[in-house]
Amino acid sequence: MPDTVDPNRPRRYFSVHYRLLRFLGLGWWHHPDEDDFRNFPGWYLYYSILTQVVWVAGFVGLETIDPFIGEKDIDRFMFSLSFVITHDLTCIKLYLFFFKNRAIQEIVRTLEIEVYDYYQNIDKNRATIRITRIMTASFVFFGWITIGNTNVYGTIQDSRWKKEVALLNETAVKPLRTLPQPIYIPWQYQSDESYISTFVLETVGLLWTGHIVMTIDTFIGSVILHMSSQFAILQEAFITVYGRALSQLVSDMPLDIDMHDNLIMPTNDQTDILKNPLDKVEVKVKSFYTDKQIESAIEKSVLNCLRQHQLLISCVEKFRVTYSYGFMTQLLSSMAAICVVMVQVSQDASSFKSIRLVTSLAFFMAMIIQLAIQCFTANELTLQAERVSDAVMQSKWERMTPRVRRYLLMAMMRAQRPLRLTAAGFAYMDNGCFLAIMKAAYSYYAVLSQREV
């Protein structure tokens, strides 16, 4: 097993995501090396029910009601609607994480455990882990800016409210005290004690639901990126398959053999040809092994590459089926939310509301990153899977026997069939899809911005 060769290989690629998923009540996600698929063990079931009832059903429900209750100005309506669209459509992703937990964990197990039965590049795996952490940190950063600026804006507005109230006489009607995030509150919160507790409740709710969105999306993007990285590693496996097979034969030679008695020395005319180290290894191998033994070793190495290829294809296909509706949800929520936030940004910029403008811009960037993470990583997956065909062409196939070449031809034909992630079969997740969503959002924004509400 590869574990005995390199015990320092990276493990637990998604440890940060797993901790967040557990804390947020989305299931007790076990690491693949734990061989445990229980989603809600023991007391955690009650913790999960409590958190989802309070923060998902409760907070998101109140957030959803708010835009449609009473008289609302356009600023409040648009800002509230952008959060409502994002959080409501995330409920579909929650369903997938609750009830497709086993399938997702099996996919992660393939990427962390099963692929190490084949050729691997440890440095590339570590680099991919670093990229996923940077990607996660960037999304979380803009998410925190959005929530933090929302609270700062709410605090400033409340300070202005207090100053305005202090100038009023006792018979004057006080203006309504508002919260940082537009949300329907079914109780009176105008007094200081009630307002502070409601403010804290809203802040925790925003952090909770926001982290659910960020954790799910960055986790999915990280899984896709690891799958694309495995196809890049597979390309290396095909390119080096001939040399690795010969090197293995050399390493299997007896150490006490006198190679001078068996090695066929090159003639003067062959000296220039054997400048390539691979040619020297080939001569050394042919001096000790029969053609049948060499063909068998190369065939075994090529078949390992084919099995690795098939393992990755089945992993991607399982992921495509499991998260297809999650991608559909992402496209719908991103198109609507980006459109609404663009309207909000243009209004805040025209009225010089600096704090609200920073919040809207941060939320706008978060929405774009949210969509880009999944579209760009899915596009990279398709690209790397297609490049396997080019790698087969560089596999020194001209030095192999016709029998082994047929295996390579099978791998090439399969790699030429595009491997794509789809949004419930309606669209491919790729760079073109990202641009199409951005164009559609801008088109809707252009129509909405010309209407006087």
Protein backbone atom coordinates (compact mmCIF):
# COMPACT_ATOMS: atom_id res chain seq x y z
CA MET A 1 0.00 0.00 0.00
CA PRO A 2 1.19 3.58 -0.67
CA ASP A 3 0.74 4.40 3.03
CA THR A 4 3.80 2.29 3.82
CA VAL A 5 5.81 4.14 1.16
CA ASP A 6 4.93 7.67 2.21
CA PRO A 7 3.27 7.88 5.64
CA ASN A 8 3.53 11.70 5.52
CA ARG A 9 1.04 12.11 2.72
CA PRO A 10 -1.67 14.74 3.37
CA ARG A 11 -4.76 13.56 5.21
CA ARG A 12 -8.12 15.00 6.11
CA TYR A 13 -8.35 17.49 3.25
CA PHE A 14 -11.62 18.99 4.52
CA SER A 15 -11.01 19.16 8.27
CA VAL A 16 -11.98 22.86 8.50
CA HIS A 17 -15.20 22.26 6.57
CA TYR A 18 -16.05 19.21 8.67
CA ARG A 19 -15.68 21.17 11.91
CA LEU A 20 -17.93 23.93 10.59
CA LEU A 21 -20.53 21.45 9.32
CA ARG A 22 -20.63 19.78 12.72
CA PHE A 23 -20.93 23.07 14.58
CA LEU A 24 -23.66 24.36 12.26
CA GLY A 25 -25.76 21.25 12.86
CA LEU A 26 -25.49 19.92 9.30
CA GLY A 27 -24.40 16.43 10.31
CA TRP A 28 -21.51 14.84 12.15
CA TRP A 29 -19.24 14.45 9.16
CA HIS A 30 -16.62 11.76 9.75
CA HIS A 31 -13.20 11.74 8.13
CA PRO A 32 -12.68 8.89 5.63
CA ASP A 33 -10.02 7.19 7.76
CA GLU A 34 -12.56 6.85 10.60
CA ASP A 35 -14.75 4.41 8.58
CA ASP A 36 -17.87 5.85 10.18
CA PHE A 37 -20.83 7.15 8.16
CA ARG A 38 -23.22 8.01 11.02
CA ASN A 39 -24.69 11.40 10.29
CA PHE A 40 -26.50 12.18 13.56
CA PRO A 41 -25.00 10.07 16.37
CA GLY A 42 -26.54 10.23 19.85
CA TRP A 43 -27.17 13.66 21.32
CA TYR A 44 -26.06 15.41 18.14
CA LEU A 45 -29.44 14.65 16.54
CA TYR A 46 -31.19 16.90 19.06
CA TYR A 47 -28.55 19.61 18.68
CA SER A 48 -29.03 19.54 14.91
CA ILE A 49 -32.84 19.72 15.17
CA LEU A 50 -32.61 22.66 17.59
CA THR A 51 -30.18 24.67 15.46
CA GLN A 52 -32.08 24.08 12.22
CA VAL A 53 -35.44 24.96 13.78
CA VAL A 54 -34.10 28.16 15.38
CA TRP A 55 -31.75 29.49 12.71
CA VAL A 56 -32.95 27.99 9.43
CA ALA A 57 -36.69 27.61 9.92
CA GLY A 58 -36.97 30.46 12.44
CA PHE A 59 -34.52 33.16 11.39
CA VAL A 60 -34.76 32.57 7.63
CA GLY A 61 -38.54 32.38 7.94
CA LEU A 62 -38.73 35.80 9.63
CA GLU A 63 -36.25 37.15 7.09
CA THR A 64 -38.45 35.87 4.24
CA ILE A 65 -41.63 37.48 5.61
CA ASP A 66 -40.09 40.93 6.06
CA PRO A 67 -40.02 42.23 2.45
CA PHE A 68 -43.74 41.60 2.07
CA ILE A 69 -45.03 43.02 5.38
CA GLY A 70 -46.19 46.62 5.55
CA GLU A 71 -44.82 49.60 3.67
CA LYS A 72 -41.20 49.26 2.59
CA ASP A 73 -38.95 51.75 0.87
CA ILE A 74 -36.99 50.53 -2.13
CA ASP A 75 -33.64 50.48 -0.28
CA ARG A 76 -34.94 48.27 2.50
CA PHE A 77 -36.83 46.01 0.08
CA MET A 78 -33.87 45.38 -2.24
CA PHE A 79 -31.35 44.84 0.55
CA SER A 80 -33.70 42.43 2.33
CA LEU A 81 -34.63 40.60 -0.86
CA SER A 82 -31.00 39.85 -1.71
CA PHE A 83 -30.51 38.01 1.60
CA VAL A 84 -33.88 36.26 1.30
CA ILE A 85 -33.06 34.83 -2.14
CA THR A 86 -29.68 33.54 -1.01
CA HIS A 87 -30.84 31.99 2.25
CA ASP A 88 -34.12 30.52 1.00
CA LEU A 89 -32.61 28.72 -1.97
CA THR A 90 -29.83 27.43 0.28
CA CYS A 91 -32.46 25.24 1.95
CA ILE A 92 -32.29 22.95 -1.10
CA LYS A 93 -28.56 22.54 -0.51
CA LEU A 94 -29.31 21.74 3.12
CA TYR A 95 -31.59 18.93 1.99
CA LEU A 96 -28.76 17.47 -0.10
CA PHE A 97 -26.32 17.66 2.80
CA PHE A 98 -28.78 16.03 5.19
CA PHE A 99 -29.98 13.19 2.97
CA LYS A 100 -27.05 12.72 0.56
CA ASN A 101 -24.47 12.67 3.32
CA ARG A 102 -23.39 9.07 2.67
CA ALA A 103 -22.83 9.65 -1.06
CA ILE A 104 -20.78 12.80 -0.45
CA GLN A 105 -18.66 11.04 2.18
CA GLU A 106 -17.96 8.19 -0.26
CA ILE A 107 -16.78 10.74 -2.83
CA VAL A 108 -14.46 12.31 -0.27
CA ARG A 109 -13.17 8.85 0.69
CA THR A 110 -12.25 8.21 -2.94
CA LEU A 111 -10.27 11.46 -3.11
CA GLU A 112 -8.49 11.02 0.24
CA ILE A 113 -8.01 7.25 0.51
CA GLU A 114 -8.74 5.15 -2.58
CA VAL A 115 -6.72 7.17 -5.10
CA TYR A 116 -3.56 6.40 -3.12
CA ASP A 117 -3.75 2.83 -4.37
CA TYR A 118 -2.51 4.29 -7.66
CA TYR A 119 0.05 6.81 -8.88
CA GLN A 120 -0.03 10.04 -6.85
CA ASN A 121 1.81 13.35 -6.68
CA ILE A 122 2.04 14.32 -3.01
CA ASP A 123 3.26 17.86 -3.71
CA LYS A 124 0.35 18.53 -6.08
CA ASN A 125 -2.13 17.27 -3.50
CA ARG A 126 -0.68 19.57 -0.86
CA ALA A 127 -0.79 22.50 -3.29
CA THR A 128 -4.46 21.77 -4.01
CA ILE A 129 -5.23 21.77 -0.29
CA ARG A 130 -3.58 25.19 0.04
CA ILE A 131 -5.60 26.55 -2.89
CA THR A 132 -8.87 25.31 -1.39
CA ARG A 133 -8.02 27.00 1.91
CA ILE A 134 -7.26 30.28 0.15
CA MET A 135 -10.51 29.98 -1.79
CA THR A 136 -12.44 29.33 1.43
CA ALA A 137 -10.74 32.21 3.23
CA SER A 138 -11.53 34.68 0.43
CA PHE A 139 -15.22 33.82 0.45
CA VAL A 140 -15.42 33.93 4.25
CA PHE A 141 -13.59 37.28 4.25
CA PHE A 142 -16.18 38.99 2.05
CA GLY A 143 -18.95 37.28 4.00
CA TRP A 144 -17.62 38.68 7.26
CA ILE A 145 -17.27 42.13 5.71
CA THR A 146 -20.89 41.97 4.62
CA ILE A 147 -22.18 40.93 8.04
CA GLY A 148 -19.77 43.19 9.93
CA ASN A 149 -20.65 46.27 7.90
CA THR A 150 -24.33 45.47 8.28
CA ASN A 151 -23.92 45.63 12.06
CA VAL A 152 -21.78 48.78 11.85
CA TYR A 153 -24.41 50.45 9.70
CA GLY A 154 -27.12 49.36 12.13
CA THR A 155 -25.17 50.73 15.09
CA ILE A 156 -24.64 54.08 13.38
CA GLN A 157 -28.31 54.29 12.46
CA ASP A 158 -29.32 53.53 16.03
CA SER A 159 -26.96 56.25 17.34
CA ARG A 160 -28.59 58.73 14.98
CA TRP A 161 -32.00 57.56 16.15
CA LYS A 162 -31.04 58.18 19.79
CA LYS A 163 -29.77 61.68 18.98
CA GLU A 164 -32.95 62.46 17.09
CA VAL A 165 -35.14 61.16 19.90
CA ALA A 166 -33.17 63.16 22.48
CA LEU A 167 -34.13 66.39 20.67
CA LEU A 168 -37.84 65.58 20.69
CA ASN A 169 -40.22 66.71 23.43
CA GLU A 170 -42.30 64.25 25.41
CA THR A 171 -45.44 64.73 23.29
CA ALA A 172 -43.71 64.18 19.94
CA VAL A 173 -44.09 60.88 18.12
CA LYS A 174 -40.83 58.94 18.12
CA PRO A 175 -39.60 57.56 14.78
CA LEU A 176 -39.44 53.78 14.46
CA ARG A 177 -36.25 52.18 15.72
CA THR A 178 -34.81 49.87 13.04
CA LEU A 179 -32.48 46.87 13.13
CA PRO A 180 -29.28 46.49 11.04
CA GLN A 181 -30.72 43.73 8.85
CA PRO A 182 -34.30 44.05 7.58
CA ILE A 183 -36.17 41.25 9.33
CA TYR A 184 -39.70 40.81 10.62
CA ILE A 185 -39.77 40.80 14.43
CA PRO A 186 -43.11 39.71 15.96
CA TRP A 187 -42.48 41.50 19.28
CA GLN A 188 -41.79 45.06 20.39
CA TYR A 189 -38.10 45.88 20.48
CA GLN A 190 -38.09 49.65 20.87
CA SER A 191 -36.82 49.69 24.47
CA ASP A 192 -33.08 49.43 25.09
CA GLU A 193 -33.22 46.02 26.80
CA SER A 194 -35.40 44.45 24.13
CA TYR A 195 -33.47 46.10 21.31
CA ILE A 196 -30.09 44.81 22.49
CA SER A 197 -31.33 41.22 22.80
CA THR A 198 -32.99 41.44 19.38
CA PHE A 199 -29.81 42.95 17.91
CA VAL A 200 -27.77 40.02 19.28
CA LEU A 201 -30.35 37.53 18.01
CA GLU A 202 -30.19 38.99 14.52
CA THR A 203 -26.38 39.12 14.51
CA VAL A 204 -26.06 35.47 15.54
CA GLY A 205 -28.69 34.52 12.96
CA LEU A 206 -26.80 36.31 10.20
CA LEU A 207 -23.53 34.69 11.21
CA TRP A 208 -25.13 31.25 11.44
CA THR A 209 -26.96 31.32 8.11
CA GLY A 210 -24.07 33.10 6.42
CA HIS A 211 -21.61 30.43 7.53
CA ILE A 212 -23.96 27.69 6.33
CA VAL A 213 -23.89 29.22 2.86
CA MET A 214 -20.14 29.80 2.88
CA THR A 215 -19.26 26.36 4.27
CA ILE A 216 -21.42 24.42 1.80
CA ASP A 217 -20.27 26.36 -1.26
CA THR A 218 -16.56 26.30 -0.44
CA PHE A 219 -16.74 22.61 0.48
CA ILE A 220 -18.35 21.75 -2.87
CA GLY A 221 -15.82 23.90 -4.73
CA SER A 222 -12.96 22.20 -2.87
CA VAL A 223 -14.25 18.73 -3.77
CA ILE A 224 -14.43 19.71 -7.45
CA LEU A 225 -10.92 21.17 -7.33
CA HIS A 226 -9.52 17.97 -5.82
CA MET A 227 -11.19 15.92 -8.55
CA SER A 228 -9.65 18.12 -11.26
CA SER A 229 -6.27 17.83 -9.53
CA GLN A 230 -6.57 14.03 -9.63
CA PHE A 231 -7.07 14.16 -13.39
CA ALA A 232 -3.91 16.29 -13.66
CA ILE A 233 -2.09 13.63 -11.64
CA LEU A 234 -3.52 10.95 -13.93
CA GLN A 235 -1.97 12.78 -16.87
CA GLU A 236 1.43 12.44 -15.18
CA ALA A 237 0.70 8.76 -14.61
CA PHE A 238 0.11 8.14 -18.32
CA ILE A 239 3.09 10.22 -19.44
CA THR A 240 5.48 8.36 -17.12
CA VAL A 241 3.87 4.91 -17.36
CA TYR A 242 6.56 3.43 -19.63
CA GLY A 243 9.50 4.78 -17.65
CA ARG A 244 7.95 3.73 -14.33
CA ALA A 245 7.39 0.19 -15.59
CA LEU A 246 11.03 -0.13 -16.66
CA SER A 247 12.26 1.43 -13.42
CA GLN A 248 10.25 -1.12 -11.45
CA LEU A 249 11.86 -3.93 -13.45
CA VAL A 250 15.31 -2.51 -12.69
CA SER A 251 14.52 -2.29 -8.99
CA ASP A 252 13.39 -5.94 -9.03
CA MET A 253 16.74 -7.15 -10.37
CA PRO A 254 18.87 -9.12 -7.88
CA LEU A 255 21.39 -6.91 -6.16
CA ASP A 256 24.23 -9.41 -6.44
CA ILE A 257 23.94 -9.91 -10.20
CA ASP A 258 26.96 -8.99 -12.31
CA MET A 259 25.43 -6.79 -14.94
CA HIS A 260 28.62 -6.72 -16.99
CA ASP A 261 28.00 -10.32 -17.99
CA ASN A 262 24.50 -9.63 -19.26
CA LEU A 263 24.49 -6.04 -20.41
CA ILE A 264 24.64 -5.60 -24.17
CA MET A 265 27.08 -2.77 -24.72
CA PRO A 266 26.12 -0.27 -27.45
CA THR A 267 28.19 0.06 -30.59
CA ASN A 268 29.77 3.35 -31.64
CA ASP A 269 26.82 4.06 -33.94
CA GLN A 270 24.38 3.69 -31.02
CA THR A 271 26.22 5.95 -28.58
CA ASP A 272 24.35 9.11 -29.55
CA ILE A 273 20.99 7.31 -29.45
CA LEU A 274 21.55 6.19 -25.84
CA LYS A 275 22.14 9.66 -24.48
CA ASN A 276 18.53 9.58 -23.24
CA PRO A 277 18.48 8.03 -19.73
CA LEU A 278 15.31 6.12 -20.63
CA ASP A 279 17.13 4.45 -23.52
CA LYS A 280 19.89 3.30 -21.18
CA VAL A 281 17.32 1.86 -18.77
CA GLU A 282 15.61 0.12 -21.68
CA VAL A 283 18.87 -1.49 -22.79
CA LYS A 284 19.59 -2.60 -19.23
CA VAL A 285 16.13 -4.12 -18.84
CA LYS A 286 16.24 -5.95 -22.18
CA SER A 287 19.60 -7.43 -21.20
CA PHE A 288 18.07 -9.18 -18.19
CA TYR A 289 14.35 -9.76 -18.95
CA THR A 290 12.59 -11.44 -21.83
CA ASP A 291 10.25 -9.51 -24.12
CA LYS A 292 7.30 -11.30 -22.55
CA GLN A 293 8.28 -10.20 -19.05
CA ILE A 294 8.77 -6.62 -20.18
CA GLU A 295 5.42 -6.55 -21.96
CA SER A 296 3.71 -7.97 -18.88
CA ALA A 297 5.21 -5.29 -16.62
CA ILE A 298 4.25 -2.46 -18.98
CA GLU A 299 0.75 -3.90 -19.39
CA LYS A 300 0.31 -4.05 -15.62
CA SER A 301 1.38 -0.41 -15.26
CA VAL A 302 -0.94 0.73 -18.07
CA LEU A 303 -3.88 -1.20 -16.60
CA ASN A 304 -3.30 0.54 -13.29
CA CYS A 305 -3.64 3.87 -15.09
CA LEU A 306 -6.86 2.68 -16.71
CA ARG A 307 -8.27 1.61 -13.35
CA GLN A 308 -7.30 4.98 -11.89
CA HIS A 309 -9.03 6.69 -14.81
CA GLN A 310 -12.19 4.66 -14.30
CA LEU A 311 -12.17 5.34 -10.55
CA LEU A 312 -12.03 9.09 -11.15
CA ILE A 313 -14.75 8.97 -13.81
CA SER A 314 -17.10 7.06 -11.49
CA CYS A 315 -16.31 9.54 -8.70
CA VAL A 316 -17.23 12.50 -10.90
CA GLU A 317 -20.38 10.79 -12.17
CA LYS A 318 -21.51 10.05 -8.62
CA PHE A 319 -20.86 13.65 -7.63
CA ARG A 320 -22.73 14.94 -10.67
CA VAL A 321 -25.82 12.89 -9.82
CA THR A 322 -25.63 13.71 -6.10
CA TYR A 323 -25.26 17.49 -6.35
CA SER A 324 -27.03 18.21 -9.65
CA TYR A 325 -29.90 20.11 -8.01
CA GLY A 326 -27.45 21.94 -5.78
CA PHE A 327 -25.86 23.44 -8.89
CA MET A 328 -29.30 24.37 -10.21
CA THR A 329 -30.04 26.13 -6.94
CA GLN A 330 -26.73 27.96 -7.18
CA LEU A 331 -27.45 29.31 -10.65
CA LEU A 332 -30.94 30.51 -9.76
CA SER A 333 -29.92 32.15 -6.48
CA SER A 334 -26.81 33.77 -7.99
CA MET A 335 -28.66 35.24 -10.96
CA ALA A 336 -31.42 36.71 -8.78
CA ALA A 337 -29.17 37.85 -5.91
CA ILE A 338 -26.53 39.46 -8.16
CA CYS A 339 -29.25 41.34 -10.04
CA VAL A 340 -30.85 42.63 -6.83
CA VAL A 341 -27.50 43.57 -5.28
CA MET A 342 -26.51 45.48 -8.44
CA VAL A 343 -29.66 47.58 -8.04
CA GLN A 344 -28.78 48.15 -4.39
CA VAL A 345 -25.18 49.12 -5.20
CA SER A 346 -26.29 51.65 -7.82
CA GLN A 347 -28.75 53.23 -5.37
CA ASP A 348 -26.24 53.41 -2.53
CA ALA A 349 -23.59 54.89 -4.85
CA SER A 350 -25.98 57.55 -6.16
CA SER A 351 -27.08 58.58 -2.65
CA PHE A 352 -23.53 58.51 -1.20
CA LYS A 353 -24.44 56.10 1.60
CA SER A 354 -20.85 55.08 2.29
CA ILE A 355 -21.47 52.41 4.94
CA ARG A 356 -24.31 50.81 3.04
CA LEU A 357 -22.25 51.04 -0.15
CA VAL A 358 -19.37 49.09 1.43
CA THR A 359 -21.84 46.47 2.66
CA SER A 360 -23.51 46.18 -0.74
CA LEU A 361 -20.17 45.96 -2.57
CA ALA A 362 -18.90 43.28 -0.17
CA PHE A 363 -22.11 41.29 -0.61
CA PHE A 364 -21.86 41.75 -4.39
CA MET A 365 -18.30 40.38 -4.37
CA ALA A 366 -19.37 37.49 -2.14
CA MET A 367 -22.15 36.56 -4.58
CA ILE A 368 -19.76 36.64 -7.54
CA ILE A 369 -17.17 34.54 -5.70
CA GLN A 370 -19.91 32.11 -4.67
CA LEU A 371 -20.87 31.54 -8.31
CA ALA A 372 -17.30 31.64 -9.63
CA ILE A 373 -16.04 29.01 -7.18
CA GLN A 374 -18.31 26.35 -8.61
CA CYS A 375 -18.26 27.41 -12.27
CA PHE A 376 -14.49 27.86 -12.53
CA THR A 377 -13.61 24.68 -10.64
CA ALA A 378 -16.12 22.67 -12.70
CA ASN A 379 -14.63 24.12 -15.90
CA GLU A 380 -11.14 23.14 -14.70
CA LEU A 381 -12.40 19.61 -14.00
CA THR A 382 -13.72 19.25 -17.56
CA LEU A 383 -10.49 20.67 -19.00
CA GLN A 384 -8.19 18.39 -17.00
CA ALA A 385 -10.31 15.33 -17.85
CA GLU A 386 -10.01 16.13 -21.58
CA ARG A 387 -6.23 16.57 -21.32
CA VAL A 388 -5.88 12.92 -20.33
CA SER A 389 -6.18 12.13 -24.06
CA ASP A 390 -3.14 14.32 -24.81
CA ALA A 391 -1.22 12.64 -21.98
CA VAL A 392 -1.86 9.22 -23.52
CA MET A 393 -0.25 10.47 -26.74
CA GLN A 394 2.90 11.30 -24.74
CA SER A 395 3.06 7.90 -23.02
CA LYS A 396 5.84 6.43 -25.23
CA TRP A 397 3.19 4.28 -26.89
CA GLU A 398 5.44 3.76 -29.93
CA ARG A 399 7.74 1.61 -27.74
CA MET A 400 4.90 -0.61 -26.53
CA THR A 401 3.45 -3.73 -28.07
CA PRO A 402 0.18 -3.64 -30.09
CA ARG A 403 -1.63 -5.38 -27.23
CA VAL A 404 -0.76 -2.58 -24.78
CA ARG A 405 -1.51 0.11 -27.35
CA ARG A 406 -5.10 -1.10 -27.54
CA TYR A 407 -5.51 -0.32 -23.84
CA LEU A 408 -4.15 3.17 -24.41
CA LEU A 409 -6.53 3.65 -27.31
CA MET A 410 -9.46 2.77 -25.05
CA ALA A 411 -8.33 5.33 -22.48
CA MET A 412 -7.91 7.99 -25.17
CA MET A 413 -11.37 7.37 -26.61
CA ARG A 414 -12.97 7.64 -23.16
CA ALA A 415 -11.06 10.82 -22.31
CA GLN A 416 -12.31 12.48 -25.49
CA ARG A 417 -15.89 12.22 -24.23
CA PRO A 418 -16.41 15.42 -22.19
CA LEU A 419 -16.84 14.92 -18.47
CA ARG A 420 -19.09 17.75 -17.28
CA LEU A 421 -21.02 18.75 -14.18
CA THR A 422 -24.55 19.92 -14.92
CA ALA A 423 -27.23 21.94 -13.16
CA ALA A 424 -30.04 19.35 -13.18
CA GLY A 425 -29.36 18.80 -16.88
CA PHE A 426 -30.30 22.37 -17.85
CA ALA A 427 -26.83 23.89 -18.07
CA TYR A 428 -23.19 22.91 -17.88
CA MET A 429 -21.18 24.31 -14.98
CA ASP A 430 -18.31 26.08 -16.73
CA ASN A 431 -16.89 29.52 -17.55
CA GLY A 432 -19.53 30.03 -20.24
CA CYS A 433 -22.26 29.44 -17.68
CA PHE A 434 -20.69 32.03 -15.35
CA LEU A 435 -20.66 34.65 -18.11
CA ALA A 436 -24.23 33.79 -19.10
CA ILE A 437 -25.45 34.26 -15.52
CA MET A 438 -23.64 37.59 -15.23
CA LYS A 439 -25.12 38.79 -18.55
CA ALA A 440 -28.61 37.71 -17.52
CA ALA A 441 -28.26 39.43 -14.13
CA TYR A 442 -27.12 42.64 -15.82
CA SER A 443 -30.02 42.48 -18.28
CA TYR A 444 -32.53 42.20 -15.44
CA TYR A 445 -30.71 44.96 -13.58
CA ALA A 446 -30.95 47.26 -16.62
CA VAL A 447 -34.72 46.73 -16.71
CA LEU A 448 -35.23 47.18 -12.96
CA SER A 449 -33.04 50.28 -12.75
CA GLN A 450 -35.20 52.07 -15.33
CA ARG A 451 -38.43 51.47 -13.43
CA GLU A 452 -39.55 54.01 -10.91
CA VAL A 453 -40.71 52.21 -7.81
